[in-house]
Amino acid sequence: MFLRSLRAGLAAATAAALAVFSAGTAQAATLPYGYDFAAGFAATAAAPTTPPPGANDFSCRPTAAHPYPVILVHGTFGNMDDNWQTASPLLAAHGYCVFALNYGGATPTSIVQGTGDIAASAGQLASFVNTVLAATGAAKVDLVGHSQGGMMPRYYINFLGGDSTVDQLVGLASSNYGTASLGLFTLAGEVGSLLGIPPSTLLAACQACGQQGTGSSFLAHLNATPTVPAVRYTVIASRDDEAVIPYTNSFLPAAPNVTNITVQDQCSVDATDHLELAADPIALADVLNALDPAHPVQVPCVPVLPLTGPPGPVPAF
């Protein structure tokens, strides 16, 4: 019953999006091919165990140019497939070994992930990092996370040994210092509308939501140590974030190994919201530049709409 309802609710969006988003890893070299978060999410949400294009080739070996594999960490209510339809193939096209995981779901195959206890999710990330390191032979990994996925890895870094295995953490709209209840309700409403699930149903099953509330005991424990010296941190945020309220709660305290970026400081016509930030070309150029500052790409400046992204073409980068 649930899957029938989900498929019916997503049918129109899926038909429009599949031609763009479902061709798989082979299309990575032809990027960019989609910065519309809503279309990518709609086309792929029902396949949570399918890696996004370009990800989870465990035969991939890092190069001297990009010695660390990149692990993508989805956000609350997302999964590895629907969250990373743009970033994964983009990173693969730039020569990275890319990996993605599901965490925090009722089961590993649940459509909705990222709702469980955050400390337990960090343990799942730790296990996945170890798997990637063993497969690739790399010394460390880089992590790129969205929303909770930009904050939860800090628990792994601080308390589960990630300080020795993570080179850097790049967060998009990270929930580092939490959000107001309104932000969580808004996020549940937006994701619920894409999935055909009542927001109340999403929130009722979401232990991680309460842990991401401003002033929670979980965040107080985590933020007693905001950063560690061995890891580099980049946080990318939008002034129009409606889920992390205020948007500055994404940012980490100033330190030599911390860079905080507001996308509108680079492009005033970027109106990206919380979800679209994971597919925003301005933000993704920042991700590339954080991962490889010695070879920066030109950060584009084009209009970006909430959820659906740029209404026009985006220069290649």
Protein backbone atom coordinates (compact mmCIF):
# COMPACT_ATOMS: atom_id res chain seq x y z
CA MET A 1 0.00 0.00 0.00
CA PHE A 2 2.76 2.41 0.95
CA LEU A 3 4.80 1.72 -2.20
CA ARG A 4 1.72 2.06 -4.41
CA SER A 5 0.99 5.44 -2.84
CA LEU A 6 4.60 6.52 -3.16
CA ARG A 7 4.81 5.54 -6.81
CA ALA A 8 1.57 7.31 -7.61
CA GLY A 9 2.70 10.47 -5.88
CA LEU A 10 6.03 10.51 -7.68
CA ALA A 11 4.93 9.30 -11.11
CA ALA A 12 4.76 12.63 -12.91
CA ALA A 13 8.05 13.89 -11.50
CA THR A 14 9.75 10.59 -12.15
CA ALA A 15 8.72 10.51 -15.82
CA ALA A 16 10.16 13.97 -16.35
CA ALA A 17 13.34 13.28 -14.43
CA LEU A 18 14.35 9.75 -15.38
CA ALA A 19 15.84 10.77 -18.72
CA VAL A 20 18.16 13.12 -16.88
CA PHE A 21 18.93 11.21 -13.73
CA SER A 22 18.82 7.48 -14.37
CA ALA A 23 21.54 6.81 -16.93
CA GLY A 24 24.03 5.81 -14.26
CA THR A 25 27.75 5.90 -13.79
CA ALA A 26 28.59 5.86 -17.48
CA GLN A 27 27.27 9.40 -17.84
CA ALA A 28 29.56 10.84 -15.19
CA ALA A 29 32.02 12.18 -17.75
CA THR A 30 29.27 14.15 -19.53
CA LEU A 31 28.34 16.31 -16.53
CA PRO A 32 26.76 18.62 -15.61
CA TYR A 33 23.39 17.01 -16.34
CA GLY A 34 21.09 18.14 -13.55
CA TYR A 35 21.03 20.59 -10.66
CA ASP A 36 17.35 20.07 -9.82
CA PHE A 37 17.24 18.50 -6.36
CA ALA A 38 13.49 17.83 -6.43
CA ALA A 39 13.62 16.02 -9.78
CA GLY A 40 16.56 13.87 -8.74
CA PHE A 41 14.95 13.07 -5.41
CA ALA A 42 11.62 12.17 -7.01
CA ALA A 43 13.24 9.91 -9.60
CA THR A 44 15.34 7.92 -7.13
CA ALA A 45 13.81 7.99 -3.64
CA ALA A 46 12.21 4.57 -4.05
CA ALA A 47 15.59 2.93 -4.75
CA PRO A 48 17.47 3.63 -1.50
CA THR A 49 19.99 0.81 -1.90
CA THR A 50 21.04 1.91 -5.39
CA PRO A 51 24.19 4.04 -5.20
CA PRO A 52 23.96 7.41 -6.93
CA PRO A 53 25.66 7.65 -10.33
CA GLY A 54 29.42 7.42 -10.02
CA ALA A 55 29.47 5.99 -6.49
CA ASN A 56 30.47 2.73 -4.82
CA ASP A 57 32.86 1.32 -7.38
CA PHE A 58 34.98 -0.57 -4.88
CA SER A 59 37.57 -1.29 -7.56
CA CYS A 60 38.31 2.45 -7.81
CA ARG A 61 41.82 3.40 -6.74
CA PRO A 62 42.60 6.98 -5.69
CA THR A 63 45.08 8.89 -7.83
CA ALA A 64 47.99 11.05 -6.78
CA ALA A 65 45.88 14.08 -7.71
CA HIS A 66 43.00 12.92 -5.47
CA PRO A 67 44.51 10.55 -2.91
CA TYR A 68 41.51 10.41 -0.59
CA PRO A 69 38.19 8.77 -1.48
CA VAL A 70 35.15 10.98 -0.98
CA ILE A 71 32.30 9.58 1.10
CA LEU A 72 28.89 11.25 0.71
CA VAL A 73 26.74 11.41 3.85
CA HIS A 74 23.05 12.13 3.24
CA GLY A 75 20.74 14.19 5.43
CA THR A 76 17.72 13.55 7.64
CA PHE A 77 14.87 11.78 5.77
CA GLY A 78 17.13 11.27 2.74
CA ASN A 79 19.02 8.27 1.43
CA MET A 80 22.26 7.86 -0.49
CA ASP A 81 20.51 7.69 -3.85
CA ASP A 82 18.08 10.59 -3.68
CA ASN A 83 20.40 13.01 -1.86
CA TRP A 84 23.40 12.78 -4.20
CA GLN A 85 22.14 12.66 -7.78
CA THR A 86 24.20 15.73 -8.68
CA ALA A 87 27.21 15.71 -6.37
CA SER A 88 28.17 12.07 -6.86
CA PRO A 89 28.57 12.05 -10.65
CA LEU A 90 30.08 15.54 -10.54
CA LEU A 91 32.81 14.37 -8.18
CA ALA A 92 33.35 11.22 -10.23
CA ALA A 93 33.71 13.32 -13.36
CA HIS A 94 36.44 15.29 -11.59
CA GLY A 95 38.40 12.13 -10.93
CA TYR A 96 37.45 11.21 -7.38
CA CYS A 97 36.69 7.76 -6.06
CA VAL A 98 33.20 8.37 -4.69
CA PHE A 99 31.30 6.33 -2.13
CA ALA A 100 27.95 6.75 -0.40
CA LEU A 101 26.10 4.98 2.39
CA ASN A 102 22.74 4.76 4.07
CA TYR A 103 22.58 5.26 7.82
CA GLY A 104 20.02 5.78 10.53
CA GLY A 105 17.09 4.05 8.84
CA ALA A 106 14.66 1.60 10.37
CA THR A 107 16.37 -0.95 8.10
CA PRO A 108 19.19 -0.54 5.55
CA THR A 109 16.59 -0.77 2.79
CA SER A 110 14.14 1.79 4.18
CA ILE A 111 13.31 4.62 1.81
CA VAL A 112 13.60 7.11 4.66
CA GLN A 113 17.03 7.12 6.29
CA GLY A 114 18.81 9.41 8.74
CA THR A 115 16.18 9.27 11.48
CA GLY A 116 17.85 7.07 14.11
CA ASP A 117 20.05 7.92 17.07
CA ILE A 118 22.90 10.07 15.75
CA ALA A 119 25.60 8.39 17.83
CA ALA A 120 24.56 5.02 16.40
CA SER A 121 24.57 6.52 12.90
CA ALA A 122 28.12 7.73 13.50
CA GLY A 123 29.04 4.14 14.30
CA GLN A 124 27.60 3.07 10.94
CA LEU A 125 29.69 5.74 9.25
CA ALA A 126 32.80 4.51 11.07
CA SER A 127 32.22 1.00 9.77
CA PHE A 128 31.71 2.24 6.22
CA VAL A 129 34.86 4.37 6.33
CA ASN A 130 36.84 1.30 7.38
CA THR A 131 35.36 -0.65 4.47
CA VAL A 132 36.31 2.07 1.99
CA LEU A 133 39.84 2.39 3.37
CA ALA A 134 40.36 -1.38 3.16
CA ALA A 135 39.05 -1.54 -0.41
CA THR A 136 40.94 1.45 -1.79
CA GLY A 137 44.15 1.27 0.21
CA ALA A 138 43.84 4.98 1.01
CA ALA A 139 45.26 6.43 4.21
CA LYS A 140 42.27 8.70 4.88
CA VAL A 141 38.93 9.79 3.43
CA ASP A 142 37.22 13.09 2.79
CA LEU A 143 33.60 13.42 3.90
CA VAL A 144 30.96 15.54 2.17
CA GLY A 145 27.68 15.73 4.07
CA HIS A 146 24.31 17.44 3.75
CA SER A 147 22.25 18.66 6.71
CA GLN A 148 22.60 16.03 9.46
CA GLY A 149 25.22 14.46 7.20
CA GLY A 150 27.41 17.51 7.70
CA MET A 151 27.08 17.36 11.48
CA MET A 152 26.89 13.64 12.36
CA PRO A 153 30.44 12.94 11.08
CA ARG A 154 31.74 15.27 13.76
CA TYR A 155 30.58 12.72 16.35
CA TYR A 156 32.59 10.09 14.48
CA ILE A 157 35.59 12.44 14.38
CA ASN A 158 35.35 13.48 18.03
CA PHE A 159 34.47 10.22 19.75
CA LEU A 160 34.90 7.21 17.43
CA GLY A 161 38.40 7.61 16.05
CA GLY A 162 37.57 9.61 12.94
CA ASP A 163 40.25 12.16 13.75
CA SER A 164 42.80 9.66 12.43
CA THR A 165 40.89 8.60 9.30
CA VAL A 166 39.29 11.86 8.05
CA ASP A 167 41.32 14.44 6.16
CA GLN A 168 38.48 16.93 5.87
CA LEU A 169 34.75 17.35 6.35
CA VAL A 170 32.77 19.48 3.92
CA GLY A 171 29.25 20.24 5.11
CA LEU A 172 26.30 21.61 3.14
CA ALA A 173 23.63 23.24 5.35
CA SER A 174 25.03 21.32 8.31
CA SER A 175 22.92 21.19 11.46
CA ASN A 176 25.98 21.84 13.62
CA TYR A 177 24.26 24.00 16.21
CA GLY A 178 20.76 22.74 15.64
CA THR A 179 17.56 24.36 14.52
CA ALA A 180 14.25 25.61 15.82
CA SER A 181 11.20 23.34 15.83
CA LEU A 182 9.83 25.28 12.88
CA GLY A 183 12.84 24.25 10.82
CA LEU A 184 12.28 20.56 11.52
CA PHE A 185 8.56 20.84 10.71
CA THR A 186 9.39 22.65 7.47
CA LEU A 187 11.92 20.01 6.43
CA ALA A 188 9.48 17.20 7.20
CA GLY A 189 6.82 18.97 5.19
CA GLU A 190 9.01 19.44 2.15
CA VAL A 191 10.39 15.91 2.15
CA GLY A 192 6.95 14.52 2.96
CA SER A 193 5.47 16.27 -0.05
CA LEU A 194 8.12 14.71 -2.31
CA LEU A 195 7.58 11.24 -0.83
CA GLY A 196 3.83 11.32 -0.33
CA ILE A 197 4.26 10.74 3.42
CA PRO A 198 2.55 12.92 6.07
CA PRO A 199 5.11 15.10 7.88
CA SER A 200 3.76 13.88 11.22
CA THR A 201 4.67 10.31 10.23
CA LEU A 202 8.24 11.35 9.41
CA LEU A 203 8.68 13.28 12.64
CA ALA A 204 7.17 10.59 14.86
CA ALA A 205 9.83 8.11 13.78
CA CYS A 206 12.73 10.57 13.95
CA GLN A 207 14.92 10.36 17.05
CA ALA A 208 17.57 12.35 15.22
CA CYS A 209 15.16 15.28 14.84
CA GLY A 210 14.99 15.94 18.57
CA GLN A 211 18.75 15.57 18.82
CA GLN A 212 19.10 18.32 16.20
CA GLY A 213 16.95 20.78 18.11
CA THR A 214 18.75 23.88 19.29
CA GLY A 215 20.06 23.35 22.80
CA SER A 216 19.66 19.58 22.84
CA SER A 217 21.86 17.60 25.20
CA PHE A 218 23.27 15.75 22.20
CA LEU A 219 24.49 18.96 20.57
CA ALA A 220 25.80 20.32 23.87
CA HIS A 221 27.96 17.21 24.21
CA LEU A 222 29.11 17.35 20.58
CA ASN A 223 29.84 21.07 20.54
CA ALA A 224 31.92 21.02 23.69
CA THR A 225 34.62 20.17 21.12
CA PRO A 226 33.57 21.95 17.91
CA THR A 227 36.62 20.88 15.88
CA VAL A 228 39.84 18.93 16.19
CA PRO A 229 43.19 20.16 14.82
CA ALA A 230 43.87 17.13 12.61
CA VAL A 231 40.80 17.68 10.39
CA ARG A 232 39.96 20.51 7.99
CA TYR A 233 36.37 21.76 7.98
CA THR A 234 34.39 23.65 5.36
CA VAL A 235 30.75 24.60 5.94
CA ILE A 236 28.62 25.94 3.07
CA ALA A 237 25.29 27.56 3.91
CA SER A 238 22.48 29.64 2.41
CA ARG A 239 20.77 32.68 3.90
CA ASP A 240 17.53 31.21 2.53
CA ASP A 241 17.81 27.97 4.51
CA GLU A 242 14.38 27.29 5.96
CA ALA A 243 15.36 24.12 7.85
CA VAL A 244 18.44 25.24 9.80
CA ILE A 245 17.18 28.33 11.60
CA PRO A 246 19.07 30.62 11.79
CA TYR A 247 21.25 29.55 8.88
CA THR A 248 24.34 30.66 10.81
CA ASN A 249 23.78 27.67 13.12
CA SER A 250 25.44 25.69 10.34
CA PHE A 251 28.74 27.44 10.87
CA LEU A 252 31.59 26.29 13.09
CA PRO A 253 33.58 28.64 15.34
CA ALA A 254 36.46 30.45 13.67
CA ALA A 255 39.70 28.48 13.67
CA PRO A 256 42.70 28.09 11.33
CA ASN A 257 41.25 24.82 9.98
CA VAL A 258 37.68 26.12 9.52
CA THR A 259 36.17 27.85 6.47
CA ASN A 260 32.56 29.07 6.59
CA ILE A 261 30.94 30.08 3.28
CA THR A 262 27.61 31.78 2.55
CA VAL A 263 26.69 31.14 -1.08
CA GLN A 264 25.01 34.54 -1.50
CA ASP A 265 28.33 36.23 -0.72
CA GLN A 266 29.53 34.76 -4.02
CA CYS A 267 26.31 35.03 -6.01
CA SER A 268 23.48 37.31 -4.93
CA VAL A 269 20.95 35.64 -7.27
CA ASP A 270 21.38 32.25 -5.60
CA ALA A 271 18.11 31.65 -3.72
CA THR A 272 18.85 28.03 -2.86
CA ASP A 273 17.04 26.55 0.11
CA HIS A 274 18.08 23.75 2.48
CA LEU A 275 17.41 20.82 0.16
CA GLU A 276 18.55 22.41 -3.11
CA LEU A 277 21.90 23.32 -1.55
CA ALA A 278 22.97 19.69 -2.10
CA ALA A 279 22.54 20.23 -5.86
CA ASP A 280 23.36 23.94 -6.10
CA PRO A 281 26.14 24.57 -8.67
CA ILE A 282 27.57 27.44 -6.63
CA ALA A 283 27.79 25.25 -3.52
CA LEU A 284 29.15 22.27 -5.45
CA ALA A 285 31.90 24.40 -6.97
CA ASP A 286 32.78 25.32 -3.38
CA VAL A 287 32.88 21.61 -2.53
CA LEU A 288 35.34 20.95 -5.35
CA ASN A 289 37.50 23.87 -4.25
CA ALA A 290 37.50 22.69 -0.65
CA LEU A 291 38.58 19.20 -1.69
CA ASP A 292 41.30 20.46 -4.04
CA PRO A 293 42.24 24.06 -3.22
CA ALA A 294 45.41 23.81 -5.32
CA HIS A 295 43.33 23.49 -8.50
CA PRO A 296 40.27 25.71 -8.00
CA VAL A 297 37.35 25.78 -10.40
CA GLN A 298 35.53 28.96 -11.32
CA VAL A 299 32.51 29.36 -9.05
CA PRO A 300 29.55 30.08 -11.36
CA CYS A 301 26.94 32.71 -10.63
CA VAL A 302 23.52 31.90 -12.05
CA PRO A 303 20.00 32.24 -10.63
CA VAL A 304 19.12 29.26 -8.45
CA LEU A 305 15.55 28.59 -7.30
CA PRO A 306 14.53 26.73 -4.13
CA LEU A 307 14.18 22.96 -4.63
CA THR A 308 14.36 23.03 -8.44
CA GLY A 309 17.66 24.80 -9.00
CA PRO A 310 18.79 26.93 -11.96
CA PRO A 311 16.04 27.76 -14.47
CA GLY A 312 18.67 28.21 -17.18
CA PRO A 313 22.03 26.77 -18.24
CA VAL A 314 24.99 26.44 -15.90
CA PRO A 315 28.54 26.98 -17.15
CA ALA A 316 30.69 23.86 -17.01
CA PHE A 317 33.18 23.72 -14.18
